[in-house]
Amino acid sequence: MTQDVHFGQLLPHYFPKELQRHYRDEMESHPLRGEIIATALANQMSNDMGFNFITRMQDETGASISDIAKSYAIARDVFGFEALFDDVRALDNHVTATVQYDILYRCRRMLRRATRWMLRNKRKGESIAAQVGFYRPALQNLVEHLDQYLVESEIKEHDQQADALRQIGVPDVLANKVCRLTSVFSGLDLAQVSEQLDKPFELVARLYYVMGDRLSLHWFLKQINNQPVDNHWQALARASFREDLDWQQRMLTASIVSEMDPQHDAETGLAQWMDDHAVILGRWQSIVDEFKVGSVHEFAKFSVALRELSLLNLN
């Protein structure tokens, strides 16, 4: 694990700046190189994510400590969380500690979710640096052009959330970045779908977000996230529901893009697909309508709903 070039970047920071300046090359042959990197990485994970991060990831995925550390490192680098955490720390004495903790909570939740995604969807045989190189362009594309892919209602929602942060002293760039993390997260799936189908990333991204709106998938995700949990098993179930929904949306996107007329844009291709699957979509819509009746739901309802959604991928 410690031989990857990415982990090697941690090594110099362990030493005083004066030694970094004069003995950078010699550090690579330090007899305790592996141990130092492992210690630095463990400290970084604990500082970023809390002392129970590894245990929680093991409970949720069954992955080894080594794989968790690798996935964390990829996710942290792909999303640019180092710079994001630095920006949050720079808010000291400019906003209240409560505001900083709230932003850090959002960032940590997303980094934990991204780490879990990496564990579930690892690109076997590729180094950390190679995987970062694959995913980072997709995430950067979304950061720069997200509003071109999202529907109007979601843009408005993100803007309202960012405005709320700006009003309490959070800089504009940081506010927008934090409030759009949930949508940017989908870039991991979009990168793989675009590569596997050899389709333009822009087409895949636009279809993904428009379909999520038309089928109320993004709304349904909010219901999952807002579902209260009373014990460990319910927490695991909620995480499983979230992953299942992400997977279903990814598979639907791939299916529609692969079958649509190459001359059609995302909206036209989606409209044609919805016409062809009107009956089963009606069943899904009736389930969504039942969810909209109340705000508190049993866990069994989510299982049934996701089962019905999976049928769309079988037709």
Protein backbone atom coordinates (compact mmCIF):
# COMPACT_ATOMS: atom_id res chain seq x y z
CA MET A 1 0.00 0.00 0.00
CA THR A 2 2.71 2.47 0.94
CA GLN A 3 4.60 2.07 -2.33
CA ASP A 4 2.04 4.03 -4.36
CA VAL A 5 3.27 7.44 -5.48
CA HIS A 6 0.19 9.06 -3.97
CA PHE A 7 1.08 7.93 -0.46
CA GLY A 8 4.63 9.09 -1.07
CA GLN A 9 3.28 12.64 -1.17
CA LEU A 10 2.54 12.33 2.54
CA LEU A 11 6.16 11.62 3.41
CA PRO A 12 7.74 15.12 3.19
CA HIS A 13 5.02 16.71 5.32
CA TYR A 14 6.06 14.53 8.23
CA PHE A 15 9.43 16.32 8.44
CA PRO A 16 10.27 19.93 9.39
CA LYS A 17 10.16 22.37 6.49
CA GLU A 18 13.91 22.95 6.64
CA LEU A 19 14.56 19.24 6.09
CA GLN A 20 11.98 19.18 3.29
CA ARG A 21 13.84 22.00 1.58
CA HIS A 22 17.29 20.41 1.68
CA TYR A 23 16.72 16.64 1.83
CA ARG A 24 13.57 15.96 -0.19
CA ASP A 25 15.18 13.34 -2.44
CA GLU A 26 16.82 11.50 0.45
CA MET A 27 13.45 11.04 2.14
CA GLU A 28 12.40 8.51 -0.49
CA SER A 29 15.07 6.11 0.75
CA HIS A 30 14.40 6.66 4.44
CA PRO A 31 14.52 3.26 6.25
CA LEU A 32 11.18 4.00 7.93
CA ARG A 33 9.50 5.34 4.79
CA GLY A 34 6.61 2.86 4.89
CA GLU A 35 6.00 3.27 8.60
CA ILE A 36 6.08 7.07 8.39
CA ILE A 37 3.62 7.14 5.48
CA ALA A 38 1.28 4.72 7.26
CA THR A 39 1.38 6.87 10.41
CA ALA A 40 0.79 10.07 8.45
CA LEU A 41 -2.12 8.52 6.57
CA ALA A 42 -3.69 7.17 9.77
CA ASN A 43 -3.41 10.61 11.36
CA GLN A 44 -4.91 12.23 8.27
CA MET A 45 -7.89 9.87 8.22
CA SER A 46 -8.51 10.37 11.94
CA ASN A 47 -8.30 14.14 11.64
CA ASP A 48 -10.53 14.27 8.56
CA MET A 49 -13.09 11.61 9.37
CA GLY A 50 -12.99 10.80 13.09
CA PHE A 51 -11.55 7.90 15.04
CA ASN A 52 -14.36 5.44 14.12
CA PHE A 53 -14.08 5.91 10.33
CA ILE A 54 -12.24 2.68 9.61
CA THR A 55 -14.50 0.63 11.88
CA ARG A 56 -17.60 2.10 10.28
CA MET A 57 -16.34 1.37 6.77
CA GLN A 58 -15.53 -2.20 7.78
CA ASP A 59 -19.03 -2.66 9.21
CA GLU A 60 -20.66 -1.28 6.07
CA THR A 61 -18.48 -2.95 3.43
CA GLY A 62 -16.40 -5.71 5.02
CA ALA A 63 -13.32 -4.24 3.31
CA SER A 64 -9.78 -4.50 4.65
CA ILE A 65 -8.05 -1.58 6.33
CA SER A 66 -5.66 -1.35 3.38
CA ASP A 67 -8.48 -1.12 0.82
CA ILE A 68 -10.32 1.46 2.92
CA ALA A 69 -7.19 3.60 3.14
CA LYS A 70 -6.67 3.41 -0.63
CA SER A 71 -10.29 4.27 -1.40
CA TYR A 72 -10.21 7.16 1.05
CA ALA A 73 -7.04 8.51 -0.57
CA ILE A 74 -8.58 8.31 -4.06
CA ALA A 75 -11.84 9.96 -3.01
CA ARG A 76 -10.06 12.70 -1.06
CA ASP A 77 -7.87 13.59 -4.01
CA VAL A 78 -10.56 13.30 -6.71
CA PHE A 79 -12.93 15.66 -4.88
CA GLY A 80 -10.16 18.04 -3.82
CA PHE A 81 -11.04 17.74 -0.15
CA GLU A 82 -7.61 18.87 1.04
CA ALA A 83 -8.20 22.34 -0.39
CA LEU A 84 -11.81 22.26 0.80
CA PHE A 85 -10.81 21.45 4.38
CA ASP A 86 -8.20 24.22 4.24
CA ASP A 87 -10.88 26.69 3.11
CA VAL A 88 -13.10 25.69 6.02
CA ARG A 89 -10.25 26.11 8.51
CA ALA A 90 -9.56 29.55 7.05
CA LEU A 91 -13.00 30.60 8.29
CA ASP A 92 -11.67 30.71 11.87
CA ASN A 93 -12.85 33.93 13.55
CA HIS A 94 -14.87 34.84 10.45
CA VAL A 95 -17.88 32.62 11.10
CA THR A 96 -19.08 30.79 14.18
CA ALA A 97 -17.72 27.39 15.11
CA THR A 98 -21.20 25.98 14.58
CA VAL A 99 -21.12 27.06 10.93
CA GLN A 100 -17.69 25.50 10.44
CA TYR A 101 -18.80 22.24 12.04
CA ASP A 102 -21.87 22.13 9.80
CA ILE A 103 -19.74 22.53 6.65
CA LEU A 104 -17.22 19.97 7.89
CA TYR A 105 -20.06 17.55 8.58
CA ARG A 106 -21.30 17.88 4.99
CA CYS A 107 -17.78 17.38 3.63
CA ARG A 108 -17.08 14.36 5.83
CA ARG A 109 -20.39 12.76 4.96
CA MET A 110 -19.59 13.14 1.26
CA LEU A 111 -16.04 11.85 1.65
CA ARG A 112 -17.33 8.85 3.59
CA ARG A 113 -19.91 8.20 0.86
CA ALA A 114 -17.26 8.55 -1.87
CA THR A 115 -14.92 6.18 -0.03
CA ARG A 116 -17.68 3.60 0.18
CA TRP A 117 -18.39 4.07 -3.54
CA MET A 118 -14.72 3.47 -4.37
CA LEU A 119 -14.75 0.28 -2.33
CA ARG A 120 -17.83 -0.97 -4.21
CA ASN A 121 -16.66 0.07 -7.68
CA LYS A 122 -12.88 -0.30 -7.59
CA ARG A 123 -10.97 -0.39 -10.85
CA LYS A 124 -8.97 -3.54 -10.23
CA GLY A 125 -5.30 -3.49 -11.04
CA GLU A 126 -5.03 0.29 -11.27
CA SER A 127 -2.84 2.37 -8.99
CA ILE A 128 -4.21 5.17 -6.85
CA ALA A 129 -2.64 7.75 -9.16
CA ALA A 130 -4.24 6.14 -12.23
CA GLN A 131 -7.68 6.11 -10.65
CA VAL A 132 -7.37 9.72 -9.55
CA GLY A 133 -6.37 10.57 -13.10
CA PHE A 134 -9.46 8.80 -14.46
CA TYR A 135 -12.09 10.31 -12.15
CA ARG A 136 -10.76 13.81 -11.61
CA PRO A 137 -11.57 15.17 -15.11
CA ALA A 138 -15.20 14.07 -14.74
CA LEU A 139 -15.53 15.71 -11.35
CA GLN A 140 -13.84 18.86 -12.63
CA ASN A 141 -16.24 18.93 -15.58
CA LEU A 142 -19.18 18.86 -13.20
CA VAL A 143 -17.71 21.53 -10.92
CA GLU A 144 -17.32 23.87 -13.90
CA HIS A 145 -20.49 23.02 -15.85
CA LEU A 146 -22.94 21.48 -13.37
CA ASP A 147 -25.68 24.04 -13.93
CA GLN A 148 -25.71 23.12 -17.63
CA TYR A 149 -26.68 19.55 -16.72
CA LEU A 150 -29.08 20.10 -13.82
CA VAL A 151 -32.76 20.94 -14.15
CA GLU A 152 -33.91 24.39 -13.08
CA SER A 153 -35.44 23.29 -9.78
CA GLU A 154 -32.20 21.71 -8.60
CA ILE A 155 -30.13 24.73 -9.58
CA LYS A 156 -32.53 26.88 -7.57
CA GLU A 157 -32.27 24.54 -4.58
CA HIS A 158 -28.47 24.61 -4.61
CA ASP A 159 -28.49 28.41 -4.95
CA GLN A 160 -30.85 28.79 -2.00
CA GLN A 161 -28.61 26.59 0.15
CA ALA A 162 -25.54 28.58 -0.90
CA ASP A 163 -27.33 31.89 -0.20
CA ALA A 164 -28.07 30.69 3.33
CA LEU A 165 -24.34 30.08 3.90
CA ARG A 166 -23.34 33.39 2.33
CA GLN A 167 -25.65 35.26 4.64
CA ILE A 168 -23.76 33.95 7.66
CA GLY A 169 -20.34 34.86 6.31
CA VAL A 170 -19.23 31.93 4.13
CA PRO A 171 -17.41 33.08 0.95
CA ASP A 172 -19.33 32.66 -2.30
CA VAL A 173 -17.01 30.10 -3.91
CA LEU A 174 -16.92 27.87 -0.84
CA ALA A 175 -20.68 28.11 -0.31
CA ASN A 176 -21.41 27.03 -3.88
CA LYS A 177 -18.87 24.23 -3.78
CA VAL A 178 -20.21 22.74 -0.54
CA CYS A 179 -23.86 22.96 -1.55
CA ARG A 180 -23.23 21.26 -4.90
CA LEU A 181 -21.26 18.32 -3.51
CA THR A 182 -24.29 16.02 -3.52
CA SER A 183 -24.78 16.53 -7.26
CA VAL A 184 -21.07 16.45 -8.12
CA PHE A 185 -20.81 13.07 -6.37
CA SER A 186 -22.66 11.47 -9.30
CA GLY A 187 -19.65 12.19 -11.49
CA LEU A 188 -18.08 8.95 -10.27
CA ASP A 189 -20.85 6.90 -11.87
CA LEU A 190 -21.02 9.15 -14.91
CA ALA A 191 -17.30 8.74 -15.61
CA GLN A 192 -17.61 4.96 -15.70
CA VAL A 193 -20.79 4.94 -17.80
CA SER A 194 -19.29 7.36 -20.32
CA GLU A 195 -16.17 5.21 -20.65
CA GLN A 196 -17.99 1.87 -20.83
CA LEU A 197 -20.43 3.02 -23.52
CA ASP A 198 -17.95 5.30 -25.29
CA LYS A 199 -20.49 8.13 -25.17
CA PRO A 200 -19.86 11.86 -24.59
CA PHE A 201 -19.70 12.70 -20.91
CA GLU A 202 -21.95 15.73 -21.49
CA LEU A 203 -24.74 13.57 -22.95
CA VAL A 204 -24.55 11.01 -20.15
CA ALA A 205 -24.51 13.71 -17.46
CA ARG A 206 -27.48 15.66 -18.87
CA LEU A 207 -29.56 12.49 -19.26
CA TYR A 208 -28.68 11.33 -15.75
CA TYR A 209 -29.84 14.51 -14.05
CA VAL A 210 -32.92 15.08 -16.20
CA MET A 211 -34.05 11.49 -15.68
CA GLY A 212 -33.45 11.84 -11.94
CA ASP A 213 -35.85 14.76 -11.94
CA ARG A 214 -38.51 13.28 -14.24
CA LEU A 215 -38.65 10.01 -12.30
CA SER A 216 -38.41 11.76 -8.89
CA LEU A 217 -35.25 9.81 -8.11
CA HIS A 218 -33.54 12.83 -6.58
CA TRP A 219 -36.61 13.50 -4.46
CA PHE A 220 -36.65 9.87 -3.38
CA LEU A 221 -32.99 10.10 -2.36
CA LYS A 222 -33.88 12.94 -0.02
CA GLN A 223 -36.50 10.73 1.63
CA ILE A 224 -33.84 8.09 2.21
CA ASN A 225 -31.38 10.61 3.63
CA ASN A 226 -34.06 12.07 5.91
CA GLN A 227 -35.17 8.68 7.22
CA PRO A 228 -34.40 8.60 10.97
CA VAL A 229 -32.47 5.63 12.33
CA ASP A 230 -32.68 4.21 15.83
CA ASN A 231 -29.99 1.55 15.73
CA HIS A 232 -26.96 0.22 13.89
CA TRP A 233 -28.93 -2.05 11.56
CA GLN A 234 -31.23 0.73 10.45
CA ALA A 235 -28.19 2.89 9.71
CA LEU A 236 -26.78 0.11 7.54
CA ALA A 237 -30.14 -0.29 5.82
CA ARG A 238 -30.33 3.41 5.01
CA ALA A 239 -26.82 3.34 3.53
CA SER A 240 -27.80 0.29 1.49
CA PHE A 241 -30.94 2.02 0.17
CA ARG A 242 -28.86 5.01 -0.89
CA GLU A 243 -26.34 2.85 -2.74
CA ASP A 244 -29.11 0.83 -4.38
CA LEU A 245 -30.83 3.96 -5.66
CA ASP A 246 -27.56 5.34 -7.04
CA TRP A 247 -26.96 2.02 -8.78
CA GLN A 248 -30.46 1.91 -10.27
CA GLN A 249 -30.11 5.44 -11.63
CA ARG A 250 -26.72 4.58 -13.08
CA MET A 251 -28.06 1.43 -14.78
CA LEU A 252 -31.10 3.25 -16.16
CA THR A 253 -28.85 5.97 -17.56
CA ALA A 254 -26.62 3.41 -19.25
CA SER A 255 -29.60 1.53 -20.67
CA ILE A 256 -31.25 4.63 -22.12
CA VAL A 257 -28.05 6.09 -23.57
CA SER A 258 -27.08 2.80 -25.21
CA GLU A 259 -30.48 2.41 -26.89
CA MET A 260 -31.30 5.98 -27.89
CA ASP A 261 -30.98 7.35 -31.41
CA PRO A 262 -27.47 8.83 -31.83
CA GLN A 263 -29.07 11.92 -33.34
CA HIS A 264 -31.20 12.62 -30.27
CA ASP A 265 -30.27 14.84 -27.39
CA ALA A 266 -30.78 13.77 -23.77
CA GLU A 267 -34.30 15.15 -23.43
CA THR A 268 -35.53 13.59 -26.68
CA GLY A 269 -33.98 10.21 -25.92
CA LEU A 270 -35.48 10.20 -22.42
CA ALA A 271 -38.93 11.17 -23.70
CA GLN A 272 -38.86 8.29 -26.19
CA TRP A 273 -37.82 5.83 -23.50
CA MET A 274 -40.55 7.04 -21.15
CA ASP A 275 -43.15 6.58 -23.88
CA ASP A 276 -41.95 3.03 -24.46
CA HIS A 277 -42.17 2.20 -20.73
CA ALA A 278 -45.29 4.14 -19.79
CA VAL A 279 -47.03 1.25 -18.02
CA ILE A 280 -44.26 0.33 -15.61
CA LEU A 281 -43.40 4.00 -15.08
CA GLY A 282 -46.99 4.49 -14.01
CA ARG A 283 -46.49 1.87 -11.32
CA TRP A 284 -43.35 3.63 -10.10
CA GLN A 285 -45.12 6.98 -10.06
CA SER A 286 -47.93 5.56 -7.93
CA ILE A 287 -45.37 4.42 -5.36
CA VAL A 288 -43.76 7.86 -5.34
CA ASP A 289 -47.20 9.43 -4.82
CA GLU A 290 -47.76 7.19 -1.81
CA PHE A 291 -44.47 8.36 -0.31
CA LYS A 292 -45.50 11.97 -0.79
CA VAL A 293 -48.54 11.48 1.42
CA GLY A 294 -46.45 11.49 4.62
CA SER A 295 -42.97 12.38 5.82
CA VAL A 296 -42.27 9.33 8.01
CA HIS A 297 -41.97 5.91 6.37
CA GLU A 298 -41.23 2.36 7.41
CA PHE A 299 -37.99 0.84 6.17
CA ALA A 300 -40.00 -1.86 4.39
CA LYS A 301 -41.53 0.78 2.10
CA PHE A 302 -38.11 1.73 0.78
CA SER A 303 -37.28 -1.90 0.05
CA VAL A 304 -40.51 -2.38 -1.91
CA ALA A 305 -40.04 0.88 -3.82
CA LEU A 306 -36.48 0.05 -4.83
CA ARG A 307 -37.62 -3.39 -5.94
CA GLU A 308 -40.19 -1.79 -8.24
CA LEU A 309 -37.58 0.62 -9.58
CA SER A 310 -35.27 -2.29 -10.41
CA LEU A 311 -37.96 -3.68 -12.74
CA LEU A 312 -37.38 -0.70 -15.02
CA ASN A 313 -33.91 -2.07 -15.69
CA LEU A 314 -35.37 -5.44 -16.64
CA ASN A 315 -37.72 -4.15 -19.33
